[in-house]
Amino acid sequence: MNFASVSRRLRGLSWLLRRSDGDARHALGSRGERAAARFLRRQRHRIIARNYDCPAGEIDLITTQSGTIVFVEVKTRSEEHGKDAGQTVAAGQRERIVRAAQYFLRKAHAESRPSRFDVVTVYFPSDGKPEIEHFEDAFQPIGKPPRR
């Protein structure tokens, strides 16, 4: 076996490395979503969907609070990635969340209900107890003025 064929075979197996890293990120994200759901329940939110997936996109958590439907994006970080989980959601991701929310509202016949978009950041320090921040009304659909 020559170097080129060994190199090709190793490149062919590189998906294993990406996958294991992806699996670790997925596990951390799932852990963060569970912590965020517990936190929101303590804030009097009722969880109505987790990892809502539709043709328009995906929403981490959908809750209701005092008659308002709340679409929640959860940002999770571990010690190695630092505490800044990013209070903002990238524009493309925001658009996908908004489209998925519109899809959900149409399917649930709830377009007339009040709704908002929140971000919950979850940071897992080495002691394991999560630090959670909740940003209510973190962003608005494009073209919709902020609620006051």
N, C-alpha and C. Protein backbone atom coordinates (compact mmCIF):
# COMPACT_ATOMS: atom_id res chain seq x y z
N MET A 1 0.84 -1.17 0.00
CA MET A 1 0.00 0.00 0.00
C MET A 1 0.89 1.24 0.00
N ASN A 2 0.58 2.15 -0.90
CA ASN A 2 1.37 3.38 -0.94
C ASN A 2 0.70 4.50 -0.16
N PHE A 3 1.42 5.59 -0.01
CA PHE A 3 0.93 6.70 0.80
C PHE A 3 -0.37 7.28 0.26
N ALA A 4 -0.48 7.42 -1.04
CA ALA A 4 -1.69 8.01 -1.65
C ALA A 4 -2.93 7.18 -1.33
N SER A 5 -2.82 5.86 -1.40
CA SER A 5 -4.01 5.04 -1.12
C SER A 5 -4.37 5.07 0.36
N VAL A 6 -3.35 5.12 1.23
CA VAL A 6 -3.62 5.22 2.66
C VAL A 6 -4.29 6.58 2.96
N SER A 7 -3.77 7.62 2.33
CA SER A 7 -4.33 8.95 2.53
C SER A 7 -5.79 9.00 2.08
N ARG A 8 -6.09 8.38 0.92
CA ARG A 8 -7.48 8.34 0.42
C ARG A 8 -8.38 7.60 1.41
N ARG A 9 -7.89 6.49 1.93
CA ARG A 9 -8.70 5.72 2.88
C ARG A 9 -8.95 6.52 4.16
N LEU A 10 -7.94 7.21 4.64
CA LEU A 10 -8.12 8.02 5.85
C LEU A 10 -9.11 9.16 5.60
N ARG A 11 -9.01 9.81 4.43
CA ARG A 11 -9.98 10.85 4.10
C ARG A 11 -11.38 10.26 4.05
N GLY A 12 -11.49 9.05 3.54
CA GLY A 12 -12.79 8.39 3.46
C GLY A 12 -13.38 8.11 4.84
N LEU A 13 -12.53 8.00 5.85
CA LEU A 13 -13.00 7.75 7.20
C LEU A 13 -13.17 9.04 8.02
N SER A 14 -12.85 10.17 7.42
CA SER A 14 -12.93 11.42 8.18
C SER A 14 -14.34 11.73 8.65
N TRP A 15 -15.35 11.17 8.01
CA TRP A 15 -16.73 11.38 8.46
C TRP A 15 -16.92 10.85 9.88
N LEU A 16 -16.12 9.84 10.27
CA LEU A 16 -16.22 9.33 11.64
C LEU A 16 -15.85 10.41 12.65
N LEU A 17 -14.80 11.15 12.34
CA LEU A 17 -14.38 12.21 13.25
C LEU A 17 -15.42 13.31 13.31
N ARG A 18 -15.92 13.73 12.16
CA ARG A 18 -16.95 14.77 12.15
C ARG A 18 -18.20 14.29 12.86
N ARG A 19 -18.56 13.03 12.64
CA ARG A 19 -19.77 12.49 13.23
C ARG A 19 -19.67 12.45 14.75
N SER A 20 -18.54 11.98 15.27
CA SER A 20 -18.42 11.91 16.72
C SER A 20 -18.46 13.30 17.33
N ASP A 21 -17.83 14.28 16.67
CA ASP A 21 -17.89 15.65 17.14
C ASP A 21 -19.33 16.16 17.05
N GLY A 22 -20.00 15.84 15.96
CA GLY A 22 -21.40 16.22 15.79
C GLY A 22 -22.28 15.56 16.83
N ASP A 23 -22.00 14.29 17.14
CA ASP A 23 -22.77 13.60 18.16
C ASP A 23 -22.58 14.27 19.53
N ALA A 24 -21.36 14.69 19.82
CA ALA A 24 -21.09 15.38 21.09
C ALA A 24 -21.83 16.71 21.13
N ARG A 25 -21.81 17.46 20.01
CA ARG A 25 -22.54 18.73 19.96
C ARG A 25 -24.03 18.49 20.10
N HIS A 26 -24.54 17.44 19.44
CA HIS A 26 -25.97 17.11 19.54
C HIS A 26 -26.34 16.77 20.98
N ALA A 27 -25.49 15.98 21.65
CA ALA A 27 -25.76 15.61 23.04
C ALA A 27 -25.75 16.85 23.93
N LEU A 28 -24.79 17.75 23.72
CA LEU A 28 -24.73 18.98 24.50
C LEU A 28 -25.97 19.83 24.22
N GLY A 29 -26.36 19.94 22.96
CA GLY A 29 -27.56 20.70 22.60
C GLY A 29 -28.81 20.12 23.24
N SER A 30 -28.93 18.80 23.23
CA SER A 30 -30.09 18.15 23.86
C SER A 30 -30.12 18.41 25.36
N ARG A 31 -28.95 18.34 25.97
CA ARG A 31 -28.84 18.61 27.41
C ARG A 31 -29.25 20.06 27.71
N GLY A 32 -28.81 20.97 26.87
CA GLY A 32 -29.17 22.37 27.03
C GLY A 32 -30.66 22.61 26.84
N GLU A 33 -31.26 21.92 25.87
CA GLU A 33 -32.70 22.07 25.64
C GLU A 33 -33.51 21.54 26.82
N ARG A 34 -33.05 20.44 27.41
CA ARG A 34 -33.74 19.91 28.61
C ARG A 34 -33.64 20.90 29.77
N ALA A 35 -32.45 21.48 29.96
CA ALA A 35 -32.26 22.47 31.03
C ALA A 35 -33.11 23.71 30.77
N ALA A 36 -33.17 24.15 29.52
CA ALA A 36 -33.98 25.32 29.17
C ALA A 36 -35.46 25.03 29.42
N ALA A 37 -35.92 23.84 29.07
CA ALA A 37 -37.33 23.48 29.28
C ALA A 37 -37.66 23.49 30.77
N ARG A 38 -36.77 22.93 31.59
CA ARG A 38 -37.00 22.95 33.05
C ARG A 38 -37.08 24.39 33.56
N PHE A 39 -36.14 25.20 33.10
CA PHE A 39 -36.10 26.61 33.50
C PHE A 39 -37.40 27.32 33.10
N LEU A 40 -37.83 27.12 31.87
CA LEU A 40 -39.04 27.80 31.40
C LEU A 40 -40.28 27.33 32.15
N ARG A 41 -40.35 26.03 32.47
CA ARG A 41 -41.49 25.55 33.27
C ARG A 41 -41.54 26.28 34.62
N ARG A 42 -40.39 26.51 35.22
CA ARG A 42 -40.35 27.25 36.49
C ARG A 42 -40.79 28.71 36.31
N GLN A 43 -40.70 29.21 35.07
CA GLN A 43 -41.13 30.57 34.76
C GLN A 43 -42.58 30.60 34.27
N ARG A 44 -43.30 29.51 34.54
CA ARG A 44 -44.73 29.38 34.20
C ARG A 44 -45.01 29.24 32.71
N HIS A 45 -44.06 28.68 31.98
CA HIS A 45 -44.29 28.32 30.57
C HIS A 45 -44.82 26.90 30.54
N ARG A 46 -45.69 26.62 29.61
CA ARG A 46 -46.14 25.25 29.37
C ARG A 46 -45.52 24.80 28.06
N ILE A 47 -44.72 23.75 28.10
CA ILE A 47 -44.04 23.24 26.91
C ILE A 47 -45.08 22.52 26.05
N ILE A 48 -45.22 22.96 24.79
CA ILE A 48 -46.17 22.28 23.90
C ILE A 48 -45.47 21.51 22.78
N ALA A 49 -44.19 21.83 22.52
CA ALA A 49 -43.44 21.07 21.51
C ALA A 49 -41.95 21.23 21.76
N ARG A 50 -41.23 20.15 21.50
CA ARG A 50 -39.76 20.16 21.55
C ARG A 50 -39.25 19.74 20.18
N ASN A 51 -38.22 20.41 19.71
CA ASN A 51 -37.61 20.09 18.42
C ASN A 51 -38.67 19.98 17.33
N TYR A 52 -39.53 20.99 17.25
CA TYR A 52 -40.57 21.02 16.23
C TYR A 52 -39.90 21.14 14.87
N ASP A 53 -40.15 20.17 14.02
CA ASP A 53 -39.52 20.10 12.71
C ASP A 53 -40.61 20.08 11.65
N CYS A 54 -40.49 20.95 10.67
CA CYS A 54 -41.48 21.01 9.59
C CYS A 54 -40.74 21.38 8.31
N PRO A 55 -41.42 21.39 7.18
CA PRO A 55 -40.73 21.74 5.93
C PRO A 55 -40.10 23.14 5.95
N ALA A 56 -40.60 24.02 6.77
CA ALA A 56 -40.10 25.40 6.81
C ALA A 56 -38.87 25.56 7.69
N GLY A 57 -38.61 24.62 8.60
CA GLY A 57 -37.47 24.74 9.50
C GLY A 57 -37.70 24.01 10.81
N GLU A 58 -36.88 24.36 11.82
CA GLU A 58 -36.95 23.68 13.11
C GLU A 58 -36.95 24.71 14.23
N ILE A 59 -37.71 24.41 15.28
CA ILE A 59 -37.77 25.27 16.46
C ILE A 59 -37.46 24.40 17.67
N ASP A 60 -36.53 24.86 18.50
CA ASP A 60 -36.10 24.05 19.65
C ASP A 60 -37.24 23.78 20.61
N LEU A 61 -37.92 24.84 21.06
CA LEU A 61 -39.03 24.68 22.01
C LEU A 61 -40.16 25.61 21.61
N ILE A 62 -41.38 25.12 21.78
CA ILE A 62 -42.56 25.98 21.63
C ILE A 62 -43.31 25.87 22.94
N THR A 63 -43.60 27.03 23.53
CA THR A 63 -44.27 27.07 24.82
C THR A 63 -45.46 28.02 24.74
N THR A 64 -46.27 27.99 25.78
CA THR A 64 -47.28 29.03 25.96
C THR A 64 -47.07 29.63 27.34
N GLN A 65 -47.31 30.93 27.42
CA GLN A 65 -47.21 31.63 28.69
C GLN A 65 -48.24 32.75 28.68
N SER A 66 -49.18 32.69 29.59
CA SER A 66 -50.23 33.71 29.71
C SER A 66 -50.91 33.97 28.37
N GLY A 67 -51.22 32.91 27.64
CA GLY A 67 -51.94 33.05 26.37
C GLY A 67 -51.08 33.37 25.17
N THR A 68 -49.80 33.60 25.36
CA THR A 68 -48.88 33.91 24.26
C THR A 68 -48.13 32.65 23.85
N ILE A 69 -48.05 32.42 22.55
CA ILE A 69 -47.24 31.30 22.04
C ILE A 69 -45.81 31.80 21.91
N VAL A 70 -44.88 31.06 22.51
CA VAL A 70 -43.48 31.49 22.55
C VAL A 70 -42.63 30.47 21.79
N PHE A 71 -41.90 30.96 20.78
CA PHE A 71 -40.99 30.14 20.00
C PHE A 71 -39.59 30.40 20.55
N VAL A 72 -38.92 29.33 21.02
CA VAL A 72 -37.67 29.49 21.77
C VAL A 72 -36.51 28.84 21.02
N GLU A 73 -35.46 29.63 20.81
CA GLU A 73 -34.19 29.12 20.29
C GLU A 73 -33.27 28.96 21.48
N VAL A 74 -32.69 27.77 21.62
CA VAL A 74 -31.79 27.48 22.74
C VAL A 74 -30.36 27.46 22.22
N LYS A 75 -29.49 28.24 22.86
CA LYS A 75 -28.06 28.26 22.54
C LYS A 75 -27.32 27.66 23.73
N THR A 76 -26.57 26.60 23.49
CA THR A 76 -25.88 25.90 24.58
C THR A 76 -24.37 25.93 24.35
N ARG A 77 -23.62 26.16 25.41
CA ARG A 77 -22.15 26.14 25.35
C ARG A 77 -21.61 25.35 26.52
N SER A 78 -20.46 24.75 26.29
CA SER A 78 -19.76 24.05 27.37
C SER A 78 -18.58 24.90 27.80
N GLU A 79 -17.90 24.44 28.82
CA GLU A 79 -16.74 25.14 29.36
C GLU A 79 -15.71 25.44 28.27
N GLU A 80 -15.47 24.45 27.43
CA GLU A 80 -14.39 24.62 26.44
C GLU A 80 -14.70 25.66 25.38
N HIS A 81 -15.98 25.98 25.18
CA HIS A 81 -16.33 26.97 24.17
C HIS A 81 -16.60 28.34 24.77
N GLY A 82 -16.45 28.48 26.06
CA GLY A 82 -16.62 29.77 26.70
C GLY A 82 -18.07 30.09 27.01
N LYS A 83 -18.24 31.14 27.78
CA LYS A 83 -19.56 31.47 28.30
C LYS A 83 -20.45 32.19 27.30
N ASP A 84 -19.90 32.92 26.35
CA ASP A 84 -20.72 33.71 25.44
C ASP A 84 -21.44 32.79 24.46
N ALA A 85 -22.70 32.56 24.73
CA ALA A 85 -23.50 31.68 23.86
C ALA A 85 -24.12 32.46 22.72
N GLY A 86 -23.88 33.72 22.66
CA GLY A 86 -24.40 34.49 21.56
C GLY A 86 -25.86 34.85 21.76
N GLN A 87 -26.11 36.06 22.19
CA GLN A 87 -27.47 36.48 22.46
C GLN A 87 -28.26 36.69 21.17
N THR A 88 -27.56 36.82 20.08
CA THR A 88 -28.26 37.03 18.83
C THR A 88 -28.28 35.73 18.03
N VAL A 89 -29.27 35.64 17.20
CA VAL A 89 -29.40 34.49 16.30
C VAL A 89 -29.11 35.03 14.90
N ALA A 90 -28.31 34.32 14.13
CA ALA A 90 -27.95 34.77 12.78
C ALA A 90 -29.20 35.01 11.94
N ALA A 91 -29.11 35.96 11.01
CA ALA A 91 -30.27 36.36 10.21
C ALA A 91 -30.91 35.18 9.47
N GLY A 92 -30.10 34.33 8.87
CA GLY A 92 -30.64 33.17 8.14
C GLY A 92 -31.38 32.22 9.06
N GLN A 93 -30.83 32.02 10.24
CA GLN A 93 -31.48 31.14 11.22
C GLN A 93 -32.77 31.76 11.73
N ARG A 94 -32.73 33.07 11.94
CA ARG A 94 -33.95 33.79 12.37
C ARG A 94 -35.06 33.60 11.34
N GLU A 95 -34.71 33.75 10.07
CA GLU A 95 -35.71 33.60 9.00
C GLU A 95 -36.30 32.19 9.00
N ARG A 96 -35.46 31.17 9.20
CA ARG A 96 -35.96 29.79 9.23
C ARG A 96 -36.89 29.57 10.43
N ILE A 97 -36.52 30.14 11.57
CA ILE A 97 -37.35 30.01 12.77
C ILE A 97 -38.70 30.69 12.55
N VAL A 98 -38.66 31.88 11.97
CA VAL A 98 -39.91 32.62 11.71
C VAL A 98 -40.79 31.84 10.75
N ARG A 99 -40.21 31.30 9.68
CA ARG A 99 -41.00 30.51 8.71
C ARG A 99 -41.61 29.29 9.39
N ALA A 100 -40.81 28.61 10.23
CA ALA A 100 -41.33 27.43 10.94
C ALA A 100 -42.45 27.85 11.91
N ALA A 101 -42.30 29.00 12.56
CA ALA A 101 -43.33 29.49 13.47
C ALA A 101 -44.61 29.81 12.71
N GLN A 102 -44.48 30.44 11.55
CA GLN A 102 -45.66 30.74 10.74
C GLN A 102 -46.34 29.45 10.30
N TYR A 103 -45.57 28.46 9.95
CA TYR A 103 -46.11 27.15 9.56
C TYR A 103 -46.87 26.53 10.73
N PHE A 104 -46.25 26.56 11.92
CA PHE A 104 -46.89 26.02 13.13
C PHE A 104 -48.21 26.73 13.40
N LEU A 105 -48.19 28.06 13.35
CA LEU A 105 -49.40 28.84 13.65
C LEU A 105 -50.53 28.52 12.65
N ARG A 106 -50.17 28.38 11.36
CA ARG A 106 -51.18 28.01 10.36
C ARG A 106 -51.76 26.64 10.65
N LYS A 107 -50.89 25.66 10.91
CA LYS A 107 -51.35 24.29 11.17
C LYS A 107 -52.20 24.21 12.44
N ALA A 108 -51.88 25.04 13.43
CA ALA A 108 -52.61 25.02 14.70
C ALA A 108 -53.82 25.97 14.67
N HIS A 109 -54.04 26.64 13.53
CA HIS A 109 -55.13 27.62 13.40
C HIS A 109 -55.04 28.66 14.51
N ALA A 110 -53.81 29.14 14.72
CA ALA A 110 -53.56 30.07 15.82
C ALA A 110 -52.90 31.36 15.34
N GLU A 111 -53.12 31.73 14.07
CA GLU A 111 -52.47 32.93 13.53
C GLU A 111 -52.84 34.20 14.30
N SER A 112 -54.03 34.21 14.90
CA SER A 112 -54.48 35.42 15.60
C SER A 112 -53.98 35.50 17.04
N ARG A 113 -53.37 34.42 17.54
CA ARG A 113 -52.86 34.43 18.92
C ARG A 113 -51.59 35.26 19.00
N PRO A 114 -51.38 35.93 20.12
CA PRO A 114 -50.10 36.65 20.28
C PRO A 114 -48.95 35.65 20.34
N SER A 115 -47.82 36.06 19.78
CA SER A 115 -46.64 35.19 19.80
C SER A 115 -45.39 36.05 19.91
N ARG A 116 -44.30 35.39 20.30
CA ARG A 116 -43.02 36.09 20.37
C ARG A 116 -41.90 35.08 20.18
N PHE A 117 -40.69 35.61 19.99
CA PHE A 117 -39.49 34.79 19.78
C PHE A 117 -38.50 35.08 20.90
N ASP A 118 -38.19 34.05 21.68
CA ASP A 118 -37.24 34.17 22.79
C ASP A 118 -35.97 33.40 22.48
N VAL A 119 -34.90 33.76 23.16
CA VAL A 119 -33.65 33.01 23.11
C VAL A 119 -33.29 32.66 24.54
N VAL A 120 -32.93 31.40 24.77
CA VAL A 120 -32.44 30.96 26.07
C VAL A 120 -31.02 30.47 25.86
N THR A 121 -30.09 31.03 26.65
CA THR A 121 -28.71 30.57 26.57
C THR A 121 -28.42 29.71 27.79
N VAL A 122 -27.76 28.59 27.56
CA VAL A 122 -27.41 27.65 28.62
C VAL A 122 -25.90 27.44 28.55
N TYR A 123 -25.23 27.68 29.67
CA TYR A 123 -23.79 27.49 29.77
C TYR A 123 -23.53 26.43 30.83
N PHE A 124 -22.78 25.40 30.46
CA PHE A 124 -22.43 24.33 31.39
C PHE A 124 -20.97 24.50 31.83
N PRO A 125 -20.73 25.09 33.00
CA PRO A 125 -19.36 25.18 33.51
C PRO A 125 -18.90 23.82 34.02
N SER A 126 -17.66 23.74 34.43
CA SER A 126 -17.11 22.45 34.84
C SER A 126 -17.81 21.85 36.04
N ASP A 127 -18.44 22.67 36.91
CA ASP A 127 -19.12 22.09 38.07
C ASP A 127 -20.44 21.44 37.69
N GLY A 128 -20.87 21.60 36.43
CA GLY A 128 -22.03 20.88 35.93
C GLY A 128 -23.37 21.57 36.13
N LYS A 129 -23.46 22.57 37.02
CA LYS A 129 -24.72 23.26 37.24
C LYS A 129 -24.89 24.32 36.15
N PRO A 130 -25.95 24.20 35.33
CA PRO A 130 -26.08 25.13 34.20
C PRO A 130 -26.40 26.56 34.65
N GLU A 131 -25.84 27.51 33.90
CA GLU A 131 -26.17 28.92 34.07
C GLU A 131 -27.07 29.28 32.89
N ILE A 132 -28.24 29.82 33.19
CA ILE A 132 -29.24 30.04 32.15
C ILE A 132 -29.64 31.51 32.11
N GLU A 133 -29.71 32.07 30.90
CA GLU A 133 -30.22 33.41 30.68
C GLU A 133 -31.38 33.32 29.69
N HIS A 134 -32.41 34.11 29.95
CA HIS A 134 -33.61 34.09 29.11
C HIS A 134 -33.80 35.49 28.53
N PHE A 135 -33.84 35.59 27.21
CA PHE A 135 -34.04 36.86 26.53
C PHE A 135 -35.42 36.84 25.88
N GLU A 136 -36.38 37.46 26.54
CA GLU A 136 -37.74 37.50 26.01
C GLU A 136 -37.79 38.47 24.83
N ASP A 137 -38.62 38.12 23.84
CA ASP A 137 -38.79 38.97 22.66
C ASP A 137 -37.44 39.33 22.06
N ALA A 138 -36.59 38.33 21.92
CA ALA A 138 -35.20 38.53 21.48
C ALA A 138 -35.10 39.05 20.06
N PHE A 139 -36.04 38.68 19.22
CA PHE A 139 -36.06 39.21 17.86
C PHE A 139 -37.47 39.20 17.32
N GLN A 140 -37.66 39.97 16.25
CA GLN A 140 -38.97 40.11 15.61
C GLN A 140 -38.88 39.62 14.17
N PRO A 141 -39.98 39.11 13.63
CA PRO A 141 -39.98 38.80 12.21
C PRO A 141 -39.68 40.08 11.42
N ILE A 142 -38.99 39.94 10.31
CA ILE A 142 -38.66 41.11 9.48
C ILE A 142 -39.95 41.80 9.06
N GLY A 143 -39.96 43.13 9.20
CA GLY A 143 -41.13 43.91 8.82
C GLY A 143 -42.15 44.07 9.93
N LYS A 144 -41.95 43.41 11.05
CA LYS A 144 -42.89 43.54 12.16
C LYS A 144 -42.25 44.43 13.22
N PRO A 145 -42.92 45.51 13.62
CA PRO A 145 -42.32 46.40 14.62
C PRO A 145 -42.24 45.71 15.98
N PRO A 146 -41.24 46.05 16.79
CA PRO A 146 -41.12 45.47 18.13
C PRO A 146 -42.34 45.80 18.96
N ARG A 147 -42.74 44.85 19.83
CA ARG A 147 -43.85 45.10 20.74
C ARG A 147 -43.37 45.95 21.89
N ARG A 148 -44.20 46.83 22.34
CA ARG A 148 -43.86 47.70 23.48
C ARG A 148 -44.73 47.37 24.65
